[in-house]
Amino acid sequence: MKQFSIHQKASIFGDAVFAADDGLITTFAVVAGSAGATLSPAIVLILGFANLFADGLSMATGRYLGVKSELDYEKAEEKHIEAHSSPVKTAIVTYFAFIIAGFVPLIPYIFGIRKSFLLSAALVALALFVVGGFRSYFTKKKWLTSGFEMLIVGGLAACVAYLVGYFVENFVIRG
């Protein structure tokens, strides 16, 4: 069985954290922007799932091409700096971390729960905090600090999305 180098483990872990964070934030951005624009739950689901799968695939192929480009560059320069994880493995980790985390904001809408947006926001906040806290297990940083760091960064993005939806709906479309 092949052993992974510290660099390979860190790279795959970094990809998973980045993809989970991005999955939560971008899918919730669709939800928040839709809520800000007072779109129907059906539209939230359509846009949310379209974002979830298209953006997840985009991230996965982007990581695949990024890692492959690094390897190709090192080969062209006839240099080998560190052992890399495979581009395919990186893409798979990225895709599934994105999809799993990005599914969280849609759960209240899937089940038709009243006040779906508020529950979605609470679930996303909790998930961001948990992913951030989980990150500390590997980074040896304080879990509380790591959790709040991820929550604040994700929360800022969600606020921007909500405000954009609100302003476009109320000041651009309705004028």
C-alpha atoms as a PDB file:
ATOM      1  CA  MET A   1       0.000   0.000   0.000  1.00  0.00           C
ATOM      2  CA  LYS A   2       1.332   3.413  -1.009  1.00  0.00           C
ATOM      3  CA  GLN A   3       2.102   5.815   1.839  1.00  0.00           C
ATOM      4  CA  PHE A   4       1.169   9.453   1.420  1.00  0.00           C
ATOM      5  CA  SER A   5       3.697  12.197   2.173  1.00  0.00           C
ATOM      6  CA  ILE A   6       2.830  14.977   4.612  1.00  0.00           C
ATOM      7  CA  HIS A   7       2.516  17.313   1.622  1.00  0.00           C
ATOM      8  CA  GLN A   8       0.036  14.969  -0.104  1.00  0.00           C
ATOM      9  CA  LYS A   9      -2.084  14.594   3.051  1.00  0.00           C
ATOM     10  CA  ALA A  10      -2.059  18.345   3.645  1.00  0.00           C
ATOM     11  CA  SER A  11      -2.988  18.993   0.036  1.00  0.00           C
ATOM     12  CA  ILE A  12      -5.937  16.596   0.072  1.00  0.00           C
ATOM     13  CA  PHE A  13      -7.084  17.917   3.466  1.00  0.00           C
ATOM     14  CA  GLY A  14      -6.783  21.485   2.174  1.00  0.00           C
ATOM     15  CA  ASP A  15      -8.815  20.586  -0.904  1.00  0.00           C
ATOM     16  CA  ALA A  16     -11.554  19.023   1.245  1.00  0.00           C
ATOM     17  CA  VAL A  17     -11.766  22.032   3.592  1.00  0.00           C
ATOM     18  CA  PHE A  18     -11.702  24.519   0.716  1.00  0.00           C
ATOM     19  CA  ALA A  19     -14.373  22.617  -1.217  1.00  0.00           C
ATOM     20  CA  ALA A  20     -16.626  22.144   1.824  1.00  0.00           C
ATOM     21  CA  ASP A  21     -16.334  25.825   2.664  1.00  0.00           C
ATOM     22  CA  ASP A  22     -17.023  26.835  -0.920  1.00  0.00           C
ATOM     23  CA  GLY A  23     -19.916  24.375  -1.236  1.00  0.00           C
ATOM     24  CA  LEU A  24     -21.574  25.781   1.861  1.00  0.00           C
ATOM     25  CA  ILE A  25     -20.964  29.399   0.949  1.00  0.00           C
ATOM     26  CA  THR A  26     -21.808  29.376  -2.750  1.00  0.00           C
ATOM     27  CA  THR A  27     -24.924  27.257  -2.368  1.00  0.00           C
ATOM     28  CA  PHE A  28     -26.068  29.371   0.544  1.00  0.00           C
ATOM     29  CA  ALA A  29     -25.265  32.485  -1.496  1.00  0.00           C
ATOM     30  CA  VAL A  30     -27.843  31.278  -4.033  1.00  0.00           C
ATOM     31  CA  VAL A  31     -30.322  30.638  -1.206  1.00  0.00           C
ATOM     32  CA  ALA A  32     -29.601  33.985   0.458  1.00  0.00           C
ATOM     33  CA  GLY A  33     -29.740  35.954  -2.782  1.00  0.00           C
ATOM     34  CA  SER A  34     -33.026  34.243  -3.649  1.00  0.00           C
ATOM     35  CA  ALA A  35     -34.417  34.989  -0.195  1.00  0.00           C
ATOM     36  CA  GLY A  36     -33.300  38.601  -0.469  1.00  0.00           C
ATOM     37  CA  ALA A  37     -35.171  38.815  -3.771  1.00  0.00           C
ATOM     38  CA  THR A  38     -38.169  36.951  -2.257  1.00  0.00           C
ATOM     39  CA  LEU A  39     -38.104  34.220  -4.901  1.00  0.00           C
ATOM     40  CA  SER A  40     -40.260  31.136  -4.459  1.00  0.00           C
ATOM     41  CA  PRO A  41     -38.906  28.006  -2.730  1.00  0.00           C
ATOM     42  CA  ALA A  42     -39.164  26.123  -6.044  1.00  0.00           C
ATOM     43  CA  ILE A  43     -36.835  28.628  -7.706  1.00  0.00           C
ATOM     44  CA  VAL A  44     -34.474  28.438  -4.729  1.00  0.00           C
ATOM     45  CA  LEU A  45     -34.259  24.662  -5.221  1.00  0.00           C
ATOM     46  CA  ILE A  46     -33.734  24.908  -8.977  1.00  0.00           C
ATOM     47  CA  LEU A  47     -30.996  27.521  -8.631  1.00  0.00           C
ATOM     48  CA  GLY A  48     -29.508  25.788  -5.590  1.00  0.00           C
ATOM     49  CA  PHE A  49     -29.190  22.381  -7.246  1.00  0.00           C
ATOM     50  CA  ALA A  50     -27.939  23.917 -10.498  1.00  0.00           C
ATOM     51  CA  ASN A  51     -25.256  25.727  -8.509  1.00  0.00           C
ATOM     52  CA  LEU A  52     -24.468  22.684  -6.392  1.00  0.00           C
ATOM     53  CA  PHE A  53     -23.684  20.328  -9.260  1.00  0.00           C
ATOM     54  CA  ALA A  54     -22.273  22.820 -11.784  1.00  0.00           C
ATOM     55  CA  ASP A  55     -20.056  24.639  -9.292  1.00  0.00           C
ATOM     56  CA  GLY A  56     -18.983  21.354  -7.695  1.00  0.00           C
ATOM     57  CA  LEU A  57     -17.919  20.040 -11.076  1.00  0.00           C
ATOM     58  CA  SER A  58     -16.245  23.335 -11.917  1.00  0.00           C
ATOM     59  CA  MET A  59     -14.238  23.228  -8.690  1.00  0.00           C
ATOM     60  CA  ALA A  60     -13.281  19.586  -9.219  1.00  0.00           C
ATOM     61  CA  THR A  61     -12.130  20.118 -12.801  1.00  0.00           C
ATOM     62  CA  GLY A  62     -10.336  23.302 -11.759  1.00  0.00           C
ATOM     63  CA  ARG A  63      -8.404  21.432  -9.057  1.00  0.00           C
ATOM     64  CA  TYR A  64      -7.686  18.589 -11.500  1.00  0.00           C
ATOM     65  CA  LEU A  65      -6.269  21.009 -14.056  1.00  0.00           C
ATOM     66  CA  GLY A  66      -4.409  22.958 -11.377  1.00  0.00           C
ATOM     67  CA  VAL A  67      -2.635  19.920  -9.949  1.00  0.00           C
ATOM     68  CA  LYS A  68      -1.976  18.531 -13.434  1.00  0.00           C
ATOM     69  CA  SER A  69      -0.522  21.890 -14.467  1.00  0.00           C
ATOM     70  CA  GLU A  70       1.816  21.853 -11.458  1.00  0.00           C
ATOM     71  CA  LEU A  71       3.011  18.369 -12.362  1.00  0.00           C
ATOM     72  CA  ASP A  72       3.403  19.273 -16.043  1.00  0.00           C
ATOM     73  CA  TYR A  73       5.325  22.430 -15.139  1.00  0.00           C
ATOM     74  CA  GLU A  74       7.709  20.549 -12.856  1.00  0.00           C
ATOM     75  CA  LYS A  75       8.229  17.944 -15.575  1.00  0.00           C
ATOM     76  CA  ALA A  76       8.879  20.625 -18.220  1.00  0.00           C
ATOM     77  CA  GLU A  77      11.378  22.339 -15.923  1.00  0.00           C
ATOM     78  CA  GLU A  78      12.871  18.949 -15.064  1.00  0.00           C
ATOM     79  CA  LYS A  79      12.336  19.625 -11.375  1.00  0.00           C
ATOM     80  CA  HIS A  80      10.564  17.606  -8.741  1.00  0.00           C
ATOM     81  CA  ILE A  81       9.799  19.557  -5.604  1.00  0.00           C
ATOM     82  CA  GLU A  82       7.337  17.510  -3.561  1.00  0.00           C
ATOM     83  CA  ALA A  83       5.289  14.397  -3.940  1.00  0.00           C
ATOM     84  CA  HIS A  84       1.837  15.394  -5.171  1.00  0.00           C
ATOM     85  CA  SER A  85      -1.476  13.669  -4.843  1.00  0.00           C
ATOM     86  CA  SER A  86      -2.933  12.595  -8.163  1.00  0.00           C
ATOM     87  CA  PRO A  87      -5.023  15.136 -10.080  1.00  0.00           C
ATOM     88  CA  VAL A  88      -7.891  12.611 -10.228  1.00  0.00           C
ATOM     89  CA  LYS A  89      -7.870  12.015  -6.463  1.00  0.00           C
ATOM     90  CA  THR A  90      -7.768  15.758  -5.847  1.00  0.00           C
ATOM     91  CA  ALA A  91     -10.748  16.287  -8.166  1.00  0.00           C
ATOM     92  CA  ILE A  92     -12.773  13.510  -6.509  1.00  0.00           C
ATOM     93  CA  VAL A  93     -12.116  14.815  -2.986  1.00  0.00           C
ATOM     94  CA  THR A  94     -12.981  18.342  -4.090  1.00  0.00           C
ATOM     95  CA  TYR A  95     -16.203  17.304  -5.818  1.00  0.00           C
ATOM     96  CA  PHE A  96     -17.605  15.189  -3.003  1.00  0.00           C
ATOM     97  CA  ALA A  97     -16.635  17.626  -0.241  1.00  0.00           C
ATOM     98  CA  PHE A  98     -18.330  20.409  -2.214  1.00  0.00           C
ATOM     99  CA  ILE A  99     -21.499  18.398  -2.918  1.00  0.00           C
ATOM    100  CA  ILE A 100     -21.916  17.057   0.609  1.00  0.00           C
ATOM    101  CA  ALA A 101     -21.384  20.424   2.294  1.00  0.00           C
ATOM    102  CA  GLY A 102     -23.271  22.357  -0.381  1.00  0.00           C
ATOM    103  CA  PHE A 103     -26.333  20.174   0.130  1.00  0.00           C
ATOM    104  CA  VAL A 104     -26.790  21.539   3.685  1.00  0.00           C
ATOM    105  CA  PRO A 105     -28.359  24.917   2.757  1.00  0.00           C
ATOM    106  CA  LEU A 106     -30.969  23.189   0.585  1.00  0.00           C
ATOM    107  CA  ILE A 107     -32.249  20.754   3.230  1.00  0.00           C
ATOM    108  CA  PRO A 108     -35.030  23.008   4.622  1.00  0.00           C
ATOM    109  CA  TYR A 109     -36.257  23.744   1.101  1.00  0.00           C
ATOM    110  CA  ILE A 110     -36.263  20.083   0.089  1.00  0.00           C
ATOM    111  CA  PHE A 111     -38.497  19.235   3.038  1.00  0.00           C
ATOM    112  CA  GLY A 112     -40.709  22.313   2.594  1.00  0.00           C
ATOM    113  CA  ILE A 113     -40.042  23.563   6.120  1.00  0.00           C
ATOM    114  CA  ARG A 114     -41.588  26.884   7.048  1.00  0.00           C
ATOM    115  CA  LYS A 115     -39.043  29.629   7.571  1.00  0.00           C
ATOM    116  CA  SER A 116     -36.694  27.679   5.286  1.00  0.00           C
ATOM    117  CA  PHE A 117     -34.290  30.572   4.917  1.00  0.00           C
ATOM    118  CA  LEU A 118     -33.768  31.023   8.646  1.00  0.00           C
ATOM    119  CA  LEU A 119     -33.226  27.303   9.179  1.00  0.00           C
ATOM    120  CA  SER A 120     -30.908  27.177   6.177  1.00  0.00           C
ATOM    121  CA  ALA A 121     -28.879  30.071   7.612  1.00  0.00           C
ATOM    122  CA  ALA A 122     -28.660  28.348  11.001  1.00  0.00           C
ATOM    123  CA  LEU A 123     -27.601  25.032   9.430  1.00  0.00           C
ATOM    124  CA  VAL A 124     -24.960  26.750   7.309  1.00  0.00           C
ATOM    125  CA  ALA A 125     -23.621  28.682  10.306  1.00  0.00           C
ATOM    126  CA  LEU A 126     -23.396  25.467  12.297  1.00  0.00           C
ATOM    127  CA  ALA A 127     -21.783  23.591   9.402  1.00  0.00           C
ATOM    128  CA  LEU A 128     -19.217  26.348   8.819  1.00  0.00           C
ATOM    129  CA  PHE A 129     -18.347  26.333  12.501  1.00  0.00           C
ATOM    130  CA  VAL A 130     -18.081  22.528  12.589  1.00  0.00           C
ATOM    131  CA  VAL A 131     -15.898  22.358   9.455  1.00  0.00           C
ATOM    132  CA  GLY A 132     -13.710  25.114  10.888  1.00  0.00           C
ATOM    133  CA  GLY A 133     -13.508  23.329  14.223  1.00  0.00           C
ATOM    134  CA  PHE A 134     -12.741  20.028  12.501  1.00  0.00           C
ATOM    135  CA  ARG A 135      -9.933  21.768  10.666  1.00  0.00           C
ATOM    136  CA  SER A 136      -8.249  22.387  14.012  1.00  0.00           C
ATOM    137  CA  TYR A 137      -7.946  18.637  14.561  1.00  0.00           C
ATOM    138  CA  PHE A 138      -5.363  18.559  11.786  1.00  0.00           C
ATOM    139  CA  THR A 139      -3.851  22.014  12.164  1.00  0.00           C
ATOM    140  CA  LYS A 140      -3.432  21.810  15.954  1.00  0.00           C
ATOM    141  CA  LYS A 141      -4.993  25.252  16.349  1.00  0.00           C
ATOM    142  CA  LYS A 142      -7.712  26.062  18.868  1.00  0.00           C
ATOM    143  CA  TRP A 143     -11.003  24.588  17.621  1.00  0.00           C
ATOM    144  CA  LEU A 144     -13.046  27.545  18.830  1.00  0.00           C
ATOM    145  CA  THR A 145     -10.869  30.055  16.979  1.00  0.00           C
ATOM    146  CA  SER A 146     -10.779  27.913  13.859  1.00  0.00           C
ATOM    147  CA  GLY A 147     -14.560  27.426  13.964  1.00  0.00           C
ATOM    148  CA  PHE A 148     -15.299  31.124  14.365  1.00  0.00           C
ATOM    149  CA  GLU A 149     -12.791  32.040  11.665  1.00  0.00           C
ATOM    150  CA  MET A 150     -14.637  29.917   9.121  1.00  0.00           C
ATOM    151  CA  LEU A 151     -18.046  31.074  10.376  1.00  0.00           C
ATOM    152  CA  ILE A 152     -17.153  34.750  10.036  1.00  0.00           C
ATOM    153  CA  VAL A 153     -15.654  34.410   6.559  1.00  0.00           C
ATOM    154  CA  GLY A 154     -18.648  32.388   5.335  1.00  0.00           C
ATOM    155  CA  GLY A 155     -21.093  34.693   7.081  1.00  0.00           C
ATOM    156  CA  LEU A 156     -19.707  37.731   5.292  1.00  0.00           C
ATOM    157  CA  ALA A 157     -20.210  36.065   1.917  1.00  0.00           C
ATOM    158  CA  ALA A 158     -23.773  35.100   2.845  1.00  0.00           C
ATOM    159  CA  CYS A 159     -24.596  38.658   3.914  1.00  0.00           C
ATOM    160  CA  VAL A 160     -23.283  40.021   0.625  1.00  0.00           C
ATOM    161  CA  ALA A 161     -25.420  37.537  -1.339  1.00  0.00           C
ATOM    162  CA  TYR A 162     -28.563  38.397   0.607  1.00  0.00           C
ATOM    163  CA  LEU A 163     -28.004  42.128   0.189  1.00  0.00           C
ATOM    164  CA  VAL A 164     -27.355  41.783  -3.546  1.00  0.00           C
ATOM    165  CA  GLY A 165     -30.602  39.824  -3.963  1.00  0.00           C
ATOM    166  CA  TYR A 166     -32.495  42.389  -1.903  1.00  0.00           C
ATOM    167  CA  PHE A 167     -31.097  45.426  -3.723  1.00  0.00           C
ATOM    168  CA  VAL A 168     -31.469  43.975  -7.210  1.00  0.00           C
ATOM    169  CA  GLU A 169     -35.069  42.951  -6.501  1.00  0.00           C
ATOM    170  CA  ASN A 170     -36.058  46.225  -4.823  1.00  0.00           C
ATOM    171  CA  PHE A 171     -34.010  48.853  -6.651  1.00  0.00           C
ATOM    172  CA  VAL A 172     -33.131  47.431 -10.064  1.00  0.00           C
ATOM    173  CA  ILE A 173     -36.079  45.235 -11.034  1.00  0.00           C
ATOM    174  CA  ARG A 174     -38.858  47.156  -9.265  1.00  0.00           C
ATOM    175  CA  GLY A 175     -36.975  50.450  -9.643  1.00  0.00           C
END
